[in-house]
Amino acid sequence: MNLILSIKPEYVAEIEAGKKRFEFRKAIFKQKVGKVYIYASSPVSKVVGEFEPVVKFSHTLQLQ
């Protein structure tokens, strides 16, 4: 499954500059994610990048 993440242009710029390293979403994907396309929302309104996730995290945290 491939994804398109719509992100505001100011945050896309922060991601590209390395200032923003995480993008949190409410949804947890049940299928394996292949490619992720980054879509910069208005006024840019286009796909500006792509990547393939390499690390998987469990959504279950164990607190001690």
C-alpha atoms as a PDB file:
ATOM      1  CA  MET A   1       0.000   0.000   0.000  1.00  0.00           C
ATOM      2  CA  ASN A   2       1.283   3.439  -0.918  1.00  0.00           C
ATOM      3  CA  LEU A   3       0.337   6.622   0.948  1.00  0.00           C
ATOM      4  CA  ILE A   4       0.017  10.294   0.168  1.00  0.00           C
ATOM      5  CA  LEU A   5       0.606  12.571   3.158  1.00  0.00           C
ATOM      6  CA  SER A   6      -0.779  16.072   2.723  1.00  0.00           C
ATOM      7  CA  ILE A   7       1.429  18.500   4.650  1.00  0.00           C
ATOM      8  CA  LYS A   8       1.338  22.292   4.809  1.00  0.00           C
ATOM      9  CA  PRO A   9       4.169  23.890   2.790  1.00  0.00           C
ATOM     10  CA  GLU A  10       5.788  25.508   5.843  1.00  0.00           C
ATOM     11  CA  TYR A  11       6.151  22.081   7.472  1.00  0.00           C
ATOM     12  CA  VAL A  12       7.454  20.551   4.253  1.00  0.00           C
ATOM     13  CA  ALA A  13      10.202  23.196   4.288  1.00  0.00           C
ATOM     14  CA  GLU A  14      11.048  22.292   7.900  1.00  0.00           C
ATOM     15  CA  ILE A  15      11.195  18.595   6.990  1.00  0.00           C
ATOM     16  CA  GLU A  16      13.502  19.327   4.038  1.00  0.00           C
ATOM     17  CA  ALA A  17      15.754  21.480   6.260  1.00  0.00           C
ATOM     18  CA  GLY A  18      15.956  18.724   8.877  1.00  0.00           C
ATOM     19  CA  LYS A  19      14.253  20.850  11.549  1.00  0.00           C
ATOM     20  CA  LYS A  20      11.147  18.642  11.655  1.00  0.00           C
ATOM     21  CA  ARG A  21      11.821  14.934  11.981  1.00  0.00           C
ATOM     22  CA  PHE A  22       8.407  13.493  12.839  1.00  0.00           C
ATOM     23  CA  GLU A  23       4.908  13.733  11.415  1.00  0.00           C
ATOM     24  CA  PHE A  24       2.250  12.368  13.725  1.00  0.00           C
ATOM     25  CA  ARG A  25      -1.060  11.033  12.423  1.00  0.00           C
ATOM     26  CA  LYS A  26      -4.085   9.667  14.247  1.00  0.00           C
ATOM     27  CA  ALA A  27      -4.470   6.683  11.919  1.00  0.00           C
ATOM     28  CA  ILE A  28      -2.478   3.498  12.355  1.00  0.00           C
ATOM     29  CA  PHE A  29      -1.989   1.641   9.098  1.00  0.00           C
ATOM     30  CA  LYS A  30      -2.915  -2.018   9.199  1.00  0.00           C
ATOM     31  CA  GLN A  31      -1.276  -2.870   5.882  1.00  0.00           C
ATOM     32  CA  LYS A  32       2.419  -2.727   5.076  1.00  0.00           C
ATOM     33  CA  VAL A  33       3.350   0.707   3.733  1.00  0.00           C
ATOM     34  CA  GLY A  34       5.431   0.650   0.556  1.00  0.00           C
ATOM     35  CA  LYS A  35       6.079   4.217  -0.583  1.00  0.00           C
ATOM     36  CA  VAL A  36       5.028   7.457   1.057  1.00  0.00           C
ATOM     37  CA  TYR A  37       4.483  10.487  -1.164  1.00  0.00           C
ATOM     38  CA  ILE A  38       4.658  13.950   0.395  1.00  0.00           C
ATOM     39  CA  TYR A  39       2.082  16.335  -0.996  1.00  0.00           C
ATOM     40  CA  ALA A  40       2.559  20.033  -0.167  1.00  0.00           C
ATOM     41  CA  SER A  41      -0.923  21.499   0.225  1.00  0.00           C
ATOM     42  CA  SER A  42      -2.116  24.856  -1.127  1.00  0.00           C
ATOM     43  CA  PRO A  43      -0.687  27.087  -2.520  1.00  0.00           C
ATOM     44  CA  VAL A  44       2.012  24.621  -3.730  1.00  0.00           C
ATOM     45  CA  SER A  45      -0.489  21.818  -4.457  1.00  0.00           C
ATOM     46  CA  LYS A  46       1.885  19.147  -5.735  1.00  0.00           C
ATOM     47  CA  VAL A  47       3.846  16.066  -4.728  1.00  0.00           C
ATOM     48  CA  VAL A  48       7.259  17.271  -3.581  1.00  0.00           C
ATOM     49  CA  GLY A  49       8.941  14.098  -2.362  1.00  0.00           C
ATOM     50  CA  GLU A  50       8.748  10.402  -1.632  1.00  0.00           C
ATOM     51  CA  PHE A  51      10.370   7.850   0.641  1.00  0.00           C
ATOM     52  CA  GLU A  52      10.131   4.229   1.701  1.00  0.00           C
ATOM     53  CA  PRO A  53       9.786   3.598   5.448  1.00  0.00           C
ATOM     54  CA  VAL A  54      12.600   1.495   6.861  1.00  0.00           C
ATOM     55  CA  VAL A  55      11.700   1.301  10.560  1.00  0.00           C
ATOM     56  CA  LYS A  56       8.570  -0.217  12.025  1.00  0.00           C
ATOM     57  CA  PHE A  57       7.268   0.714  15.450  1.00  0.00           C
ATOM     58  CA  SER A  58       4.616  -1.026  17.465  1.00  0.00           C
ATOM     59  CA  HIS A  59       1.665   1.104  18.471  1.00  0.00           C
ATOM     60  CA  THR A  60       1.646  -0.681  21.849  1.00  0.00           C
ATOM     61  CA  LEU A  61       3.787   0.913  24.525  1.00  0.00           C
ATOM     62  CA  GLN A  62       4.804  -0.931  27.656  1.00  0.00           C
ATOM     63  CA  LEU A  63       5.110   1.411  30.605  1.00  0.00           C
ATOM     64  CA  GLN A  64       7.023   0.347  33.692  1.00  0.00           C
END
